[in-house]
Protein backbone atom coordinates (compact mmCIF):
# COMPACT_ATOMS: atom_id res chain seq x y z
CA MET A 1 -7.67 -64.99 54.44
CA ARG A 2 -5.43 -65.98 51.56
CA GLN A 3 -6.59 -65.39 48.01
CA GLU A 4 -5.39 -67.80 45.34
CA GLN A 5 -4.00 -66.32 42.16
CA ARG A 6 -5.44 -67.41 38.85
CA SER A 7 -3.33 -69.75 36.81
CA ILE A 8 -1.32 -68.06 34.08
CA THR A 9 -1.95 -71.00 31.76
CA ALA A 10 -5.70 -70.66 32.29
CA GLU A 11 -5.46 -66.97 31.38
CA LEU A 12 -3.43 -67.77 28.27
CA SER A 13 -5.82 -70.50 27.14
CA ALA A 14 -8.92 -68.29 27.50
CA VAL A 15 -10.47 -67.31 24.19
CA ASP A 16 -13.47 -65.27 23.08
CA PHE A 17 -16.74 -67.12 22.61
CA ARG A 18 -19.49 -65.19 20.83
CA PHE A 19 -23.17 -65.65 21.55
CA HIS A 20 -25.72 -64.21 19.13
CA PHE A 21 -29.28 -63.40 20.15
CA GLN A 22 -32.16 -61.17 19.08
CA MET A 23 -33.88 -58.36 20.97
CA THR A 24 -36.98 -56.40 20.06
CA ASN A 25 -36.91 -52.62 20.19
CA ALA A 26 -39.43 -50.15 18.77
CA GLY A 27 -41.35 -52.96 17.09
CA GLY A 28 -38.33 -54.40 15.28
CA ARG A 29 -35.96 -57.29 15.84
CA HIS A 30 -32.28 -56.55 16.23
CA ALA A 31 -29.32 -58.92 16.21
CA CYS A 32 -27.03 -58.66 19.23
CA THR A 33 -23.70 -60.28 20.02
CA VAL A 34 -21.89 -60.77 23.30
CA ALA A 35 -18.26 -61.90 23.48
CA ILE A 36 -17.26 -63.78 26.62
CA ARG A 37 -13.61 -64.56 27.38
CA ALA A 38 -13.40 -67.99 28.99
CA PRO A 39 -11.22 -71.11 28.92
CA SER A 40 -14.00 -73.35 27.54
CA GLU A 41 -17.38 -73.15 25.82
CA ALA A 42 -19.06 -74.67 28.90
CA ASP A 43 -17.59 -71.93 31.10
CA ALA A 44 -18.65 -69.25 28.60
CA SER A 45 -22.21 -70.66 28.52
CA ALA A 46 -22.37 -70.64 32.31
CA ILE A 47 -21.14 -67.03 32.41
CA PHE A 48 -23.70 -66.07 29.76
CA ARG A 49 -26.56 -67.60 31.74
CA ALA A 50 -25.39 -66.20 35.08
CA ASN A 51 -25.08 -62.68 33.64
CA TRP A 52 -28.11 -62.67 31.35
CA PHE A 53 -29.86 -59.80 33.15
CA ILE A 54 -26.76 -57.61 32.83
CA ILE A 55 -26.29 -58.61 29.17
CA GLU A 56 -29.94 -57.87 28.41
CA ASP A 57 -29.74 -54.47 30.11
CA LEU A 58 -26.57 -53.53 28.19
CA ALA A 59 -28.12 -54.68 24.90
CA ARG A 60 -31.31 -52.68 25.51
CA ARG A 61 -29.29 -49.57 26.39
CA GLY A 62 -27.22 -50.01 23.25
CA LEU A 63 -30.32 -50.33 21.09
CA ALA A 64 -31.91 -47.27 22.70
CA GLU A 65 -28.76 -45.23 22.03
CA GLU A 66 -28.36 -46.81 18.57
CA ASN A 67 -24.98 -48.07 19.72
CA ARG A 68 -24.44 -51.36 17.87
CA ARG A 69 -21.14 -52.39 19.44
CA GLU A 70 -20.47 -55.93 20.51
CA ILE A 71 -20.93 -56.46 24.26
CA ARG A 72 -17.78 -57.85 25.91
CA LEU A 73 -17.49 -59.64 29.24
CA GLU A 74 -13.97 -59.97 30.61
CA PRO A 75 -12.93 -62.24 33.49
CA ALA A 76 -12.87 -60.62 36.92
CA GLY A 77 -9.51 -59.33 38.05
CA ARG A 78 -8.38 -57.93 34.71
């Protein structure tokens, strides 16, 4: 089966979209940010929704470890 390569122009036009949300941990609210690299805001929103359970798990782990880094999702194949 032949696998199509991703367009170079699509890769070059992809930018980071940041989504901010809040999580509760130890009785407090904490701001979280996820950066998603995508060619459009609609694509980034779809990726955010499709990967919410992974994003939530990573955010909860980060809060438990007091690791306040931004969560980043990169396109597959990078």
